[in-house]
C-alpha atoms as a PDB file:
ATOM      1  CA  UNK A   1      79.276  89.630 124.465  1.00  0.00           C
ATOM      2  CA  UNK A   2      81.876  92.195 123.396  1.00  0.00           C
ATOM      3  CA  UNK A   3      80.977  95.863 123.152  1.00  0.00           C
ATOM      4  CA  UNK A   4      80.397  97.486 119.742  1.00  0.00           C
ATOM      5  CA  UNK A   5      83.643  99.444 120.104  1.00  0.00           C
ATOM      6  CA  UNK A   6      85.635  96.288 120.828  1.00  0.00           C
ATOM      7  CA  UNK A   7      84.214  94.529 117.769  1.00  0.00           C
ATOM      8  CA  UNK A   8      85.361  97.325 115.478  1.00  0.00           C
ATOM      9  CA  UNK A   9      88.841  97.802 116.935  1.00  0.00           C
ATOM     10  CA  UNK A  10      90.372  94.849 115.115  1.00  0.00           C
ATOM     11  CA  UNK A  11      88.574  95.016 111.775  1.00  0.00           C
ATOM     12  CA  UNK A  12      91.711  96.224 109.944  1.00  0.00           C
ATOM     13  CA  UNK A  13      94.230  94.434 112.171  1.00  0.00           C
ATOM     14  CA  UNK A  14      96.489  92.006 110.285  1.00  0.00           C
ATOM     15  CA  UNK A  15      98.543  90.841 113.242  1.00  0.00           C
ATOM     16  CA  UNK A  16      99.535  87.204 112.754  1.00  0.00           C
ATOM     17  CA  UNK A  17      98.778  87.220 109.029  1.00  0.00           C
ATOM     18  CA  UNK A  18     101.381  85.971 106.533  1.00  0.00           C
ATOM     19  CA  UNK A  19     101.475  87.970 103.298  1.00  0.00           C
ATOM     20  CA  UNK A  20     103.306  87.615  99.985  1.00  0.00           C
ATOM     21  CA  UNK A  21     103.639  90.625  97.673  1.00  0.00           C
ATOM     22  CA  UNK A  22     105.160  90.158  94.224  1.00  0.00           C
ATOM     23  CA  UNK A  23     107.140  93.133  92.977  1.00  0.00           C
ATOM     24  CA  UNK A  24     107.065  94.309  96.576  1.00  0.00           C
ATOM     25  CA  UNK A  25     110.318  96.252  96.617  1.00  0.00           C
ATOM     26  CA  UNK A  26     109.381  99.319  94.563  1.00  0.00           C
ATOM     27  CA  UNK A  27     106.494 101.588  93.598  1.00  0.00           C
ATOM     28  CA  UNK A  28     102.946 100.459  94.304  1.00  0.00           C
ATOM     29  CA  UNK A  29     104.152  97.069  95.532  1.00  0.00           C
ATOM     30  CA  UNK A  30     106.304  98.773  98.152  1.00  0.00           C
ATOM     31  CA  UNK A  31     103.403 100.977  99.235  1.00  0.00           C
ATOM     32  CA  UNK A  32     101.212  97.898  99.687  1.00  0.00           C
ATOM     33  CA  UNK A  33     103.918  95.912 101.481  1.00  0.00           C
ATOM     34  CA  UNK A  34     104.501  98.697 103.977  1.00  0.00           C
ATOM     35  CA  UNK A  35     100.770  99.172 104.500  1.00  0.00           C
ATOM     36  CA  UNK A  36     100.256  95.480 105.252  1.00  0.00           C
ATOM     37  CA  UNK A  37     103.236  95.425 107.613  1.00  0.00           C
ATOM     38  CA  UNK A  38     102.067  98.596 109.364  1.00  0.00           C
ATOM     39  CA  UNK A  39      98.796  96.782 110.021  1.00  0.00           C
ATOM     40  CA  UNK A  40     100.681  93.943 111.678  1.00  0.00           C
ATOM     41  CA  UNK A  41     101.322  91.434 108.891  1.00  0.00           C
ATOM     42  CA  UNK A  42     104.507  89.486 108.281  1.00  0.00           C
ATOM     43  CA  UNK A  43     105.173  90.386 104.654  1.00  0.00           C
ATOM     44  CA  UNK A  44     107.385  88.484 102.229  1.00  0.00           C
ATOM     45  CA  UNK A  45     108.319  90.829  99.390  1.00  0.00           C
ATOM     46  CA  UNK A  46     109.427  89.132  96.199  1.00  0.00           C
ATOM     47  CA  UNK A  47     111.219  90.211  93.058  1.00  0.00           C
ATOM     48  CA  UNK A  48     114.157  89.340  90.850  1.00  0.00           C
ATOM     49  CA  UNK A  49     116.538  91.905  92.391  1.00  0.00           C
ATOM     50  CA  UNK A  50     117.364  90.625  95.864  1.00  0.00           C
ATOM     51  CA  UNK A  51     119.486  93.669  96.713  1.00  0.00           C
ATOM     52  CA  UNK A  52     116.482  95.972  96.190  1.00  0.00           C
ATOM     53  CA  UNK A  53     114.305  93.800  98.422  1.00  0.00           C
ATOM     54  CA  UNK A  54     116.972  93.616 101.127  1.00  0.00           C
ATOM     55  CA  UNK A  55     117.339  97.398 101.198  1.00  0.00           C
ATOM     56  CA  UNK A  56     113.604  97.772 101.775  1.00  0.00           C
ATOM     57  CA  UNK A  57     113.596  95.152 104.538  1.00  0.00           C
ATOM     58  CA  UNK A  58     116.579  96.752 106.298  1.00  0.00           C
ATOM     59  CA  UNK A  59     114.861 100.157 106.304  1.00  0.00           C
ATOM     60  CA  UNK A  60     111.576  98.915 107.791  1.00  0.00           C
ATOM     61  CA  UNK A  61     110.649  99.965 111.338  1.00  0.00           C
ATOM     62  CA  UNK A  62     110.517  96.634 113.174  1.00  0.00           C
ATOM     63  CA  UNK A  63     108.093  97.947 115.817  1.00  0.00           C
ATOM     64  CA  UNK A  64     105.089  96.889 113.730  1.00  0.00           C
ATOM     65  CA  UNK A  65     104.831  93.882 111.436  1.00  0.00           C
ATOM     66  CA  UNK A  66     107.832  92.775 109.418  1.00  0.00           C
ATOM     67  CA  UNK A  67     109.139  92.792 105.850  1.00  0.00           C
ATOM     68  CA  UNK A  68     111.227  89.856 104.613  1.00  0.00           C
ATOM     69  CA  UNK A  69     112.993  89.699 101.228  1.00  0.00           C
ATOM     70  CA  UNK A  70     112.499  86.599  99.085  1.00  0.00           C
ATOM     71  CA  UNK A  71     113.835  86.310  95.564  1.00  0.00           C
ATOM     72  CA  UNK A  72     111.289  85.080  93.031  1.00  0.00           C
ATOM     73  CA  UNK A  73     110.796  85.502  89.296  1.00  0.00           C
ATOM     74  CA  UNK A  74     107.047  85.464  88.628  1.00  0.00           C
ATOM     75  CA  UNK A  75     107.623  84.386  85.021  1.00  0.00           C
ATOM     76  CA  UNK A  76     109.534  81.227  85.979  1.00  0.00           C
ATOM     77  CA  UNK A  77     107.671  78.194  87.343  1.00  0.00           C
ATOM     78  CA  UNK A  78     110.755  76.769  89.048  1.00  0.00           C
ATOM     79  CA  UNK A  79     111.413  80.061  90.813  1.00  0.00           C
ATOM     80  CA  UNK A  80     107.781  80.313  91.927  1.00  0.00           C
ATOM     81  CA  UNK A  81     107.818  76.744  93.243  1.00  0.00           C
ATOM     82  CA  UNK A  82     111.077  77.353  95.124  1.00  0.00           C
ATOM     83  CA  UNK A  83     109.682  80.473  96.826  1.00  0.00           C
ATOM     84  CA  UNK A  84     106.462  78.647  97.677  1.00  0.00           C
ATOM     85  CA  UNK A  85     108.415  75.812  99.305  1.00  0.00           C
ATOM     86  CA  UNK A  86     110.482  78.287 101.311  1.00  0.00           C
ATOM     87  CA  UNK A  87     107.369  79.894 102.751  1.00  0.00           C
ATOM     88  CA  UNK A  88     105.745  76.505 103.305  1.00  0.00           C
ATOM     89  CA  UNK A  89     108.727  75.403 105.390  1.00  0.00           C
ATOM     90  CA  UNK A  90     108.915  78.646 107.365  1.00  0.00           C
ATOM     91  CA  UNK A  91     105.230  79.447 107.860  1.00  0.00           C
ATOM     92  CA  UNK A  92     103.065  76.531 106.711  1.00  0.00           C
ATOM     93  CA  UNK A  93     100.371  78.862 105.440  1.00  0.00           C
ATOM     94  CA  UNK A  94      99.645  82.172 103.677  1.00  0.00           C
ATOM     95  CA  UNK A  95      96.762  84.552 104.407  1.00  0.00           C
ATOM     96  CA  UNK A  96      97.371  87.289 101.834  1.00  0.00           C
ATOM     97  CA  UNK A  97      98.771  87.115  98.295  1.00  0.00           C
ATOM     98  CA  UNK A  98      99.202  90.347  96.342  1.00  0.00           C
ATOM     99  CA  UNK A  99      99.971  89.819  92.652  1.00  0.00           C
ATOM    100  CA  UNK A 100     101.548  93.173  91.919  1.00  0.00           C
ATOM    101  CA  UNK A 101     104.504  92.491  89.596  1.00  0.00           C
ATOM    102  CA  UNK A 102     104.148  94.381  86.343  1.00  0.00           C
ATOM    103  CA  UNK A 103     105.865  96.150  83.461  1.00  0.00           C
ATOM    104  CA  UNK A 104     104.826  98.650  80.793  1.00  0.00           C
ATOM    105  CA  UNK A 105     106.150  96.735  77.783  1.00  0.00           C
ATOM    106  CA  UNK A 106     106.201  98.005  74.177  1.00  0.00           C
ATOM    107  CA  UNK A 107     105.031 101.568  73.584  1.00  0.00           C
ATOM    108  CA  UNK A 108     104.069 103.561  70.496  1.00  0.00           C
ATOM    109  CA  UNK A 109     104.446 107.211  71.578  1.00  0.00           C
ATOM    110  CA  UNK A 110     103.468 108.554  68.171  1.00  0.00           C
ATOM    111  CA  UNK A 111      99.873 107.531  68.944  1.00  0.00           C
ATOM    112  CA  UNK A 112      99.571 110.521  71.261  1.00  0.00           C
ATOM    113  CA  UNK A 113     101.158 113.036  68.896  1.00  0.00           C
ATOM    114  CA  UNK A 114      98.723 114.377  66.290  1.00  0.00           C
ATOM    115  CA  UNK A 115     101.645 115.766  64.265  1.00  0.00           C
ATOM    116  CA  UNK A 116     103.646 112.540  64.177  1.00  0.00           C
ATOM    117  CA  UNK A 117     104.494 111.430  60.605  1.00  0.00           C
ATOM    118  CA  UNK A 118     103.379 107.907  61.589  1.00  0.00           C
ATOM    119  CA  UNK A 119      99.807 109.233  61.713  1.00  0.00           C
ATOM    120  CA  UNK A 120      99.768 110.499  58.129  1.00  0.00           C
ATOM    121  CA  UNK A 121      97.105 107.993  57.023  1.00  0.00           C
ATOM    122  CA  UNK A 122      95.740 104.537  57.790  1.00  0.00           C
ATOM    123  CA  UNK A 123      98.469 102.684  55.888  1.00  0.00           C
ATOM    124  CA  UNK A 124     101.252 104.661  57.548  1.00  0.00           C
ATOM    125  CA  UNK A 125      99.769 104.268  61.025  1.00  0.00           C
ATOM    126  CA  UNK A 126      99.145 100.560  60.572  1.00  0.00           C
ATOM    127  CA  UNK A 127     102.672  99.877  59.360  1.00  0.00           C
ATOM    128  CA  UNK A 128     104.178 102.006  62.127  1.00  0.00           C
ATOM    129  CA  UNK A 129     102.356  99.982  64.761  1.00  0.00           C
ATOM    130  CA  UNK A 130     103.159  96.711  62.997  1.00  0.00           C
ATOM    131  CA  UNK A 131     106.870  97.479  62.710  1.00  0.00           C
ATOM    132  CA  UNK A 132     107.311  99.155  66.112  1.00  0.00           C
ATOM    133  CA  UNK A 133     106.258  96.148  68.183  1.00  0.00           C
ATOM    134  CA  UNK A 134     106.858  92.399  68.185  1.00  0.00           C
ATOM    135  CA  UNK A 135     105.289  89.111  69.194  1.00  0.00           C
ATOM    136  CA  UNK A 136     108.204  88.565  71.566  1.00  0.00           C
ATOM    137  CA  UNK A 137     107.679  91.893  73.357  1.00  0.00           C
ATOM    138  CA  UNK A 138     103.941  91.273  73.723  1.00  0.00           C
ATOM    139  CA  UNK A 139     104.512  87.745  75.004  1.00  0.00           C
ATOM    140  CA  UNK A 140     107.086  88.938  77.545  1.00  0.00           C
ATOM    141  CA  UNK A 141     104.762  91.663  78.796  1.00  0.00           C
ATOM    142  CA  UNK A 142     101.808  89.280  79.135  1.00  0.00           C
ATOM    143  CA  UNK A 143     104.019  86.828  81.038  1.00  0.00           C
ATOM    144  CA  UNK A 144     104.629  89.411  83.755  1.00  0.00           C
ATOM    145  CA  UNK A 145     101.302  91.256  83.833  1.00  0.00           C
ATOM    146  CA  UNK A 146      98.832  88.426  83.231  1.00  0.00           C
ATOM    147  CA  UNK A 147     100.289  84.926  83.150  1.00  0.00           C
ATOM    148  CA  UNK A 148     102.051  85.411  86.495  1.00  0.00           C
ATOM    149  CA  UNK A 149      98.734  85.986  88.275  1.00  0.00           C
ATOM    150  CA  UNK A 150      97.543  82.531  87.262  1.00  0.00           C
ATOM    151  CA  UNK A 151     100.763  80.691  88.034  1.00  0.00           C
ATOM    152  CA  UNK A 152     101.586  82.398  91.349  1.00  0.00           C
ATOM    153  CA  UNK A 153      98.008  82.092  92.618  1.00  0.00           C
ATOM    154  CA  UNK A 154      97.712  78.421  91.744  1.00  0.00           C
ATOM    155  CA  UNK A 155     101.139  77.650  93.219  1.00  0.00           C
ATOM    156  CA  UNK A 156     100.182  79.239  96.556  1.00  0.00           C
ATOM    157  CA  UNK A 157      96.556  78.059  96.597  1.00  0.00           C
ATOM    158  CA  UNK A 158      97.147  75.220  99.052  1.00  0.00           C
ATOM    159  CA  UNK A 159      98.924  77.545 101.493  1.00  0.00           C
ATOM    160  CA  UNK A 160      96.156  80.118 101.118  1.00  0.00           C
ATOM    161  CA  UNK A 161      93.584  77.420 101.898  1.00  0.00           C
ATOM    162  CA  UNK A 162      95.487  76.558 105.087  1.00  0.00           C
ATOM    163  CA  UNK A 163      95.555  80.239 105.986  1.00  0.00           C
ATOM    164  CA  UNK A 164      91.766  80.338 105.793  1.00  0.00           C
ATOM    165  CA  UNK A 165      91.461  77.512 108.290  1.00  0.00           C
ATOM    166  CA  UNK A 166      93.495  78.849 111.206  1.00  0.00           C
ATOM    167  CA  UNK A 167      91.555  82.075 111.910  1.00  0.00           C
ATOM    168  CA  UNK A 168      87.882  81.856 112.794  1.00  0.00           C
ATOM    169  CA  UNK A 169      85.629  83.764 110.418  1.00  0.00           C
ATOM    170  CA  UNK A 170      88.485  84.603 108.054  1.00  0.00           C
ATOM    171  CA  UNK A 171      89.142  83.615 104.451  1.00  0.00           C
ATOM    172  CA  UNK A 172      92.514  84.185 102.817  1.00  0.00           C
ATOM    173  CA  UNK A 173      92.716  86.954 100.260  1.00  0.00           C
ATOM    174  CA  UNK A 174      94.266  87.190  96.804  1.00  0.00           C
ATOM    175  CA  UNK A 175      94.593  90.770  95.574  1.00  0.00           C
ATOM    176  CA  UNK A 176      95.559  91.350  91.948  1.00  0.00           C
ATOM    177  CA  UNK A 177      96.896  94.786  91.082  1.00  0.00           C
ATOM    178  CA  UNK A 178      95.404  95.584  87.703  1.00  0.00           C
ATOM    179  CA  UNK A 179      95.067  99.118  86.307  1.00  0.00           C
ATOM    180  CA  UNK A 180      92.621 101.660  84.987  1.00  0.00           C
ATOM    181  CA  UNK A 181      94.452 101.032  81.713  1.00  0.00           C
ATOM    182  CA  UNK A 182      92.690  97.681  81.500  1.00  0.00           C
ATOM    183  CA  UNK A 183      89.278  99.271  82.019  1.00  0.00           C
ATOM    184  CA  UNK A 184      89.314 102.162  79.567  1.00  0.00           C
ATOM    185  CA  UNK A 185      88.970 102.112  75.782  1.00  0.00           C
ATOM    186  CA  UNK A 186      92.044 104.230  75.128  1.00  0.00           C
ATOM    187  CA  UNK A 187      95.398 102.626  74.320  1.00  0.00           C
ATOM    188  CA  UNK A 188      97.406 105.356  76.112  1.00  0.00           C
ATOM    189  CA  UNK A 189     100.219 104.664  73.643  1.00  0.00           C
ATOM    190  CA  UNK A 190     100.608 101.043  74.805  1.00  0.00           C
ATOM    191  CA  UNK A 191      98.169  98.500  73.382  1.00  0.00           C
ATOM    192  CA  UNK A 192      99.991  95.538  74.936  1.00  0.00           C
ATOM    193  CA  UNK A 193      99.956  96.875  78.498  1.00  0.00           C
ATOM    194  CA  UNK A 194      96.288  97.881  78.411  1.00  0.00           C
ATOM    195  CA  UNK A 195      95.087  94.633  76.900  1.00  0.00           C
ATOM    196  CA  UNK A 196      97.219  92.615  79.360  1.00  0.00           C
ATOM    197  CA  UNK A 197      95.697  94.486  82.282  1.00  0.00           C
ATOM    198  CA  UNK A 198      92.209  93.910  80.861  1.00  0.00           C
ATOM    199  CA  UNK A 199      92.993  90.195  80.753  1.00  0.00           C
ATOM    200  CA  UNK A 200      94.192  90.378  84.368  1.00  0.00           C
ATOM    201  CA  UNK A 201      90.886  91.963  85.375  1.00  0.00           C
ATOM    202  CA  UNK A 202      88.877  89.142  83.814  1.00  0.00           C
ATOM    203  CA  UNK A 203      91.253  86.516  85.169  1.00  0.00           C
ATOM    204  CA  UNK A 204      90.538  87.895  88.646  1.00  0.00           C
ATOM    205  CA  UNK A 205      86.817  87.292  88.205  1.00  0.00           C
ATOM    206  CA  UNK A 206      87.307  83.811  86.785  1.00  0.00           C
ATOM    207  CA  UNK A 207      89.555  82.785  89.667  1.00  0.00           C
ATOM    208  CA  UNK A 208      87.090  84.164  92.207  1.00  0.00           C
ATOM    209  CA  UNK A 209      84.208  82.285  90.614  1.00  0.00           C
ATOM    210  CA  UNK A 210      86.006  78.986  90.084  1.00  0.00           C
ATOM    211  CA  UNK A 211      87.292  78.888  93.672  1.00  0.00           C
ATOM    212  CA  UNK A 212      83.883  79.842  95.062  1.00  0.00           C
ATOM    213  CA  UNK A 213      81.919  77.217  93.156  1.00  0.00           C
ATOM    214  CA  UNK A 214      84.475  74.570  94.092  1.00  0.00           C
ATOM    215  CA  UNK A 215      84.197  75.384  97.775  1.00  0.00           C
ATOM    216  CA  UNK A 216      87.756  76.653  98.225  1.00  0.00           C
ATOM    217  CA  UNK A 217      87.735  79.352 100.950  1.00  0.00           C
ATOM    218  CA  UNK A 218      89.990  81.886  99.244  1.00  0.00           C
ATOM    219  CA  UNK A 219      88.684  85.271  98.144  1.00  0.00           C
ATOM    220  CA  UNK A 220      90.023  86.881  94.940  1.00  0.00           C
ATOM    221  CA  UNK A 221      89.706  90.591  94.181  1.00  0.00           C
ATOM    222  CA  UNK A 222      91.548  93.241  92.203  1.00  0.00           C
ATOM    223  CA  UNK A 223      92.597  96.828  92.785  1.00  0.00           C
ATOM    224  CA  UNK A 224      92.904  99.063  89.716  1.00  0.00           C
ATOM    225  CA  UNK A 225      95.121 102.064  90.491  1.00  0.00           C
ATOM    226  CA  UNK A 226      95.101 105.275  88.531  1.00  0.00           C
ATOM    227  CA  UNK A 227      98.230 107.448  88.391  1.00  0.00           C
ATOM    228  CA  UNK A 228     100.590 106.578  91.244  1.00  0.00           C
ATOM    229  CA  UNK A 229     104.314 106.960  91.794  1.00  0.00           C
ATOM    230  CA  UNK A 230     106.203 103.898  90.541  1.00  0.00           C
ATOM    231  CA  UNK A 231     109.236 102.898  88.517  1.00  0.00           C
ATOM    232  CA  UNK A 232     106.978 103.317  85.490  1.00  0.00           C
ATOM    233  CA  UNK A 233     106.422 106.993  86.427  1.00  0.00           C
ATOM    234  CA  UNK A 234     109.991 107.678  87.616  1.00  0.00           C
ATOM    235  CA  UNK A 235     108.913 107.122  91.243  1.00  0.00           C
ATOM    236  CA  UNK A 236     107.312 110.546  91.670  1.00  0.00           C
ATOM    237  CA  UNK A 237     104.183 112.204  90.314  1.00  0.00           C
ATOM    238  CA  UNK A 238     103.775 115.971  90.503  1.00  0.00           C
ATOM    239  CA  UNK A 239     100.185 117.312  90.204  1.00  0.00           C
ATOM    240  CA  UNK A 240     101.044 119.014  86.921  1.00  0.00           C
ATOM    241  CA  UNK A 241     102.237 115.689  85.470  1.00  0.00           C
ATOM    242  CA  UNK A 242      99.194 113.559  86.337  1.00  0.00           C
ATOM    243  CA  UNK A 243      97.345 114.154  83.082  1.00  0.00           C
ATOM    244  CA  UNK A 244     100.504 113.744  80.990  1.00  0.00           C
ATOM    245  CA  UNK A 245     101.032 110.311  82.534  1.00  0.00           C
ATOM    246  CA  UNK A 246      97.344 109.340  82.429  1.00  0.00           C
ATOM    247  CA  UNK A 247      96.963 110.320  78.756  1.00  0.00           C
ATOM    248  CA  UNK A 248      93.185 110.586  79.106  1.00  0.00           C
ATOM    249  CA  UNK A 249      90.735 112.555  76.997  1.00  0.00           C
ATOM    250  CA  UNK A 250      89.650 114.351  80.165  1.00  0.00           C
ATOM    251  CA  UNK A 251      91.818 115.463  83.120  1.00  0.00           C
ATOM    252  CA  UNK A 252      91.765 113.596  86.435  1.00  0.00           C
ATOM    253  CA  UNK A 253      89.019 115.256  88.524  1.00  0.00           C
ATOM    254  CA  UNK A 254      90.933 115.139  91.823  1.00  0.00           C
ATOM    255  CA  UNK A 255      93.911 116.803  90.091  1.00  0.00           C
ATOM    256  CA  UNK A 256      96.719 114.806  91.724  1.00  0.00           C
ATOM    257  CA  UNK A 257      98.294 111.378  91.830  1.00  0.00           C
ATOM    258  CA  UNK A 258      97.278 108.733  94.348  1.00  0.00           C
ATOM    259  CA  UNK A 259      98.956 108.459  97.749  1.00  0.00           C
ATOM    260  CA  UNK A 260     100.577 105.547  99.568  1.00  0.00           C
ATOM    261  CA  UNK A 261      97.780 105.472 102.138  1.00  0.00           C
ATOM    262  CA  UNK A 262      95.073 105.292  99.476  1.00  0.00           C
ATOM    263  CA  UNK A 263      96.426 102.287  97.614  1.00  0.00           C
ATOM    264  CA  UNK A 264      97.736 100.476 100.698  1.00  0.00           C
ATOM    265  CA  UNK A 265      94.539 101.168 102.627  1.00  0.00           C
ATOM    266  CA  UNK A 266      92.419  99.615  99.892  1.00  0.00           C
ATOM    267  CA  UNK A 267      94.533  96.450 100.016  1.00  0.00           C
ATOM    268  CA  UNK A 268      94.428  96.356 103.827  1.00  0.00           C
ATOM    269  CA  UNK A 269      90.631  96.496 103.608  1.00  0.00           C
ATOM    270  CA  UNK A 270      90.488  93.560 101.181  1.00  0.00           C
ATOM    271  CA  UNK A 271      92.976  91.538 103.243  1.00  0.00           C
ATOM    272  CA  UNK A 272      91.311  92.165 106.609  1.00  0.00           C
ATOM    273  CA  UNK A 273      88.142  91.092 108.385  1.00  0.00           C
ATOM    274  CA  UNK A 274      86.565  94.312 107.106  1.00  0.00           C
ATOM    275  CA  UNK A 275      86.744  92.972 103.550  1.00  0.00           C
ATOM    276  CA  UNK A 276      85.785  89.430 104.441  1.00  0.00           C
ATOM    277  CA  UNK A 277      82.480  89.578 102.533  1.00  0.00           C
ATOM    278  CA  UNK A 278      84.081  90.868  99.319  1.00  0.00           C
ATOM    279  CA  UNK A 279      85.175  88.595  96.474  1.00  0.00           C
ATOM    280  CA  UNK A 280      85.223  88.729  92.693  1.00  0.00           C
ATOM    281  CA  UNK A 281      85.378  92.531  92.698  1.00  0.00           C
ATOM    282  CA  UNK A 282      87.703  95.144  91.202  1.00  0.00           C
ATOM    283  CA  UNK A 283      88.075  98.348  93.187  1.00  0.00           C
ATOM    284  CA  UNK A 284      89.108 101.372  91.128  1.00  0.00           C
ATOM    285  CA  UNK A 285      91.267 103.902  93.026  1.00  0.00           C
ATOM    286  CA  UNK A 286      91.964 106.578  90.446  1.00  0.00           C
ATOM    287  CA  UNK A 287      90.862 110.061  91.485  1.00  0.00           C
ATOM    288  CA  UNK A 288      87.920 109.887  89.081  1.00  0.00           C
ATOM    289  CA  UNK A 289      89.885 109.046  85.919  1.00  0.00           C
ATOM    290  CA  UNK A 290      87.560 106.238  84.797  1.00  0.00           C
ATOM    291  CA  UNK A 291      84.505 108.323  85.657  1.00  0.00           C
ATOM    292  CA  UNK A 292      85.377 110.911  82.987  1.00  0.00           C
ATOM    293  CA  UNK A 293      87.155 108.810  80.365  1.00  0.00           C
ATOM    294  CA  UNK A 294      85.488 106.185  78.132  1.00  0.00           C
ATOM    295  CA  UNK A 295      85.592 102.869  79.943  1.00  0.00           C
ATOM    296  CA  UNK A 296      84.173  99.371  79.623  1.00  0.00           C
ATOM    297  CA  UNK A 297      82.692  99.478  83.118  1.00  0.00           C
END
């Protein structure tokens, strides 16, 4: 029988695990990719811009884990299938899938400006919102932020199932990166983004339930970040800018943006043996934003 210390030493170790992270070359996706690799995983980072992915892979310290670029457009079924076949040929299995790809989509900045002429009255506001956005922009945004979770997860499901069967006591892990924007009742000047993230949150729970009741050994969870550095926030968040970006009714209690270790560490937990008893959950990592702003939780 191993000692208590020995049993705990490997609870966050991802050595030998194969991971796929969509949108893994920038922002939160990059943070997660590096965190998984630092814990020992072999991480395939995907995105449409191969040169961005390659730059990240070239810069990675090869002493721990590895980061491998793989071009994939999460809104294109053929591209998803091609990437899946590449990994199937190279690895034969996947243990961790992080659905992180996302965009902001159409915005209506006048919503946050009480002096904006668009907010003169109900008719003016309604027409401003109606004219400022389009079905095409909403559809494009949903394709990236919501639809891709379904199509990428289902495409890789067979490989994830195989990943569950080659490590004793382990079930493969799907981690969907949602957002506090999908949990609160404020639009934050972008109705499309917030509603798409809300749909992603519910899709996470449906996938977890459907796989569980059908006996498929793949866990599905979500992580909902608050304000973090990303391409959406110009890749850096100063403490004084957190509340401007968050657009809440109340300031963020911890008074800063999230760190790489905080978002990556949450995903490492869900992907590791430590998180092996967790499925169908959404972990909010937001410095207290949802705790002080009206949410649906």
